[in-house]
């Protein structure tokens, strides 16, 4: 049984094209991942600051609740 060389060459060419596409896709995926990592590093200080602000707002709300309770207790007299 003899294989047709045209089929073999076409199959080899198809495999090479697919391999080239895979290499190109991996390169672009690595570039996107690098960009996302850079954005995450830049966002870290902002996230820490936001967490501190949320804690301060919670403390202020607790103080406001205490003040309101004292005012309401003073009105009841």
Protein backbone atom coordinates (compact mmCIF):
# COMPACT_ATOMS: atom_id res chain seq x y z
CA UNK A 1 0.00 0.00 0.00
CA UNK A 2 1.51 3.30 -1.11
CA UNK A 3 0.49 6.69 0.31
CA UNK A 4 -0.17 9.58 -2.00
CA UNK A 5 2.50 12.26 -1.41
CA UNK A 6 -0.04 15.05 -1.97
CA UNK A 7 -2.06 13.86 1.00
CA UNK A 8 1.04 13.63 3.16
CA UNK A 9 2.23 17.12 2.17
CA UNK A 10 -1.24 18.59 2.73
CA UNK A 11 -1.44 16.97 6.15
CA UNK A 12 2.03 18.24 7.06
CA UNK A 13 1.14 21.75 5.90
CA UNK A 14 -2.10 21.68 7.91
CA UNK A 15 -0.22 20.60 11.04
CA UNK A 16 2.35 23.34 10.56
CA UNK A 17 -0.36 25.98 10.16
CA UNK A 18 -2.13 24.73 13.30
CA UNK A 19 1.12 24.72 15.26
CA UNK A 20 1.90 28.27 14.13
CA UNK A 21 -1.59 29.35 15.19
CA UNK A 22 -1.15 27.73 18.59
CA UNK A 23 2.19 29.48 19.13
CA UNK A 24 0.65 32.83 18.14
CA UNK A 25 -2.32 32.25 20.48
CA UNK A 26 -0.03 31.33 23.40
CA UNK A 27 2.03 34.48 22.84
CA UNK A 28 -1.02 36.73 22.85
CA UNK A 29 -2.43 34.95 25.92
CA UNK A 30 0.85 35.50 27.77
CA UNK A 31 0.79 39.18 26.82
CA UNK A 32 -2.79 39.57 28.12
CA UNK A 33 -1.86 37.79 31.34
CA UNK A 34 1.11 40.09 31.83
CA UNK A 35 -1.11 43.14 31.36
CA UNK A 36 -3.62 41.80 33.90
CA UNK A 37 -0.87 41.13 36.44
CA UNK A 38 0.43 44.69 36.02
CA UNK A 39 -3.07 46.08 36.58
CA UNK A 40 -3.49 43.94 39.70
CA UNK A 41 -0.22 45.27 41.12
CA UNK A 42 -1.31 48.85 40.43
CA UNK A 43 -4.73 48.25 42.05
CA UNK A 44 -3.35 46.76 45.29
CA UNK A 45 -2.73 50.12 47.06
CA UNK A 46 -6.18 51.33 46.03
CA UNK A 47 -7.79 48.21 47.48
CA UNK A 48 -5.92 48.66 50.76
CA UNK A 49 -6.99 52.29 50.98
CA UNK A 50 -10.60 51.34 50.24
CA UNK A 51 -10.52 48.78 53.06
CA UNK A 52 -9.25 51.43 55.49
CA UNK A 53 -11.97 53.86 54.39
CA UNK A 54 -14.65 51.21 54.85
CA UNK A 55 -13.41 50.56 58.39
CA UNK A 56 -13.45 54.29 59.17
CA UNK A 57 -17.00 54.65 57.82
CA UNK A 58 -18.13 51.71 59.96
CA UNK A 59 -16.59 53.38 63.04
CA UNK A 60 -18.30 56.67 62.21
CA UNK A 61 -21.63 54.90 61.79
CA UNK A 62 -21.21 53.29 65.21
CA UNK A 63 -20.44 56.71 66.75
CA UNK A 64 -23.47 58.23 65.04
CA UNK A 65 -25.69 55.43 66.37
CA UNK A 66 -24.41 56.10 69.91
CA UNK A 67 -25.06 59.85 69.53
CA UNK A 68 -28.58 59.21 68.22
CA UNK A 69 -29.34 56.89 71.13
CA UNK A 70 -28.13 59.51 73.62
CA UNK A 71 -30.22 62.19 71.94
CA UNK A 72 -33.30 59.97 71.94
CA UNK A 73 -32.74 59.13 75.61
CA UNK A 74 -32.47 62.87 76.38
CA UNK A 75 -35.75 63.58 74.51
CA UNK A 76 -37.59 60.93 76.54
CA UNK A 77 -36.94 62.80 79.81
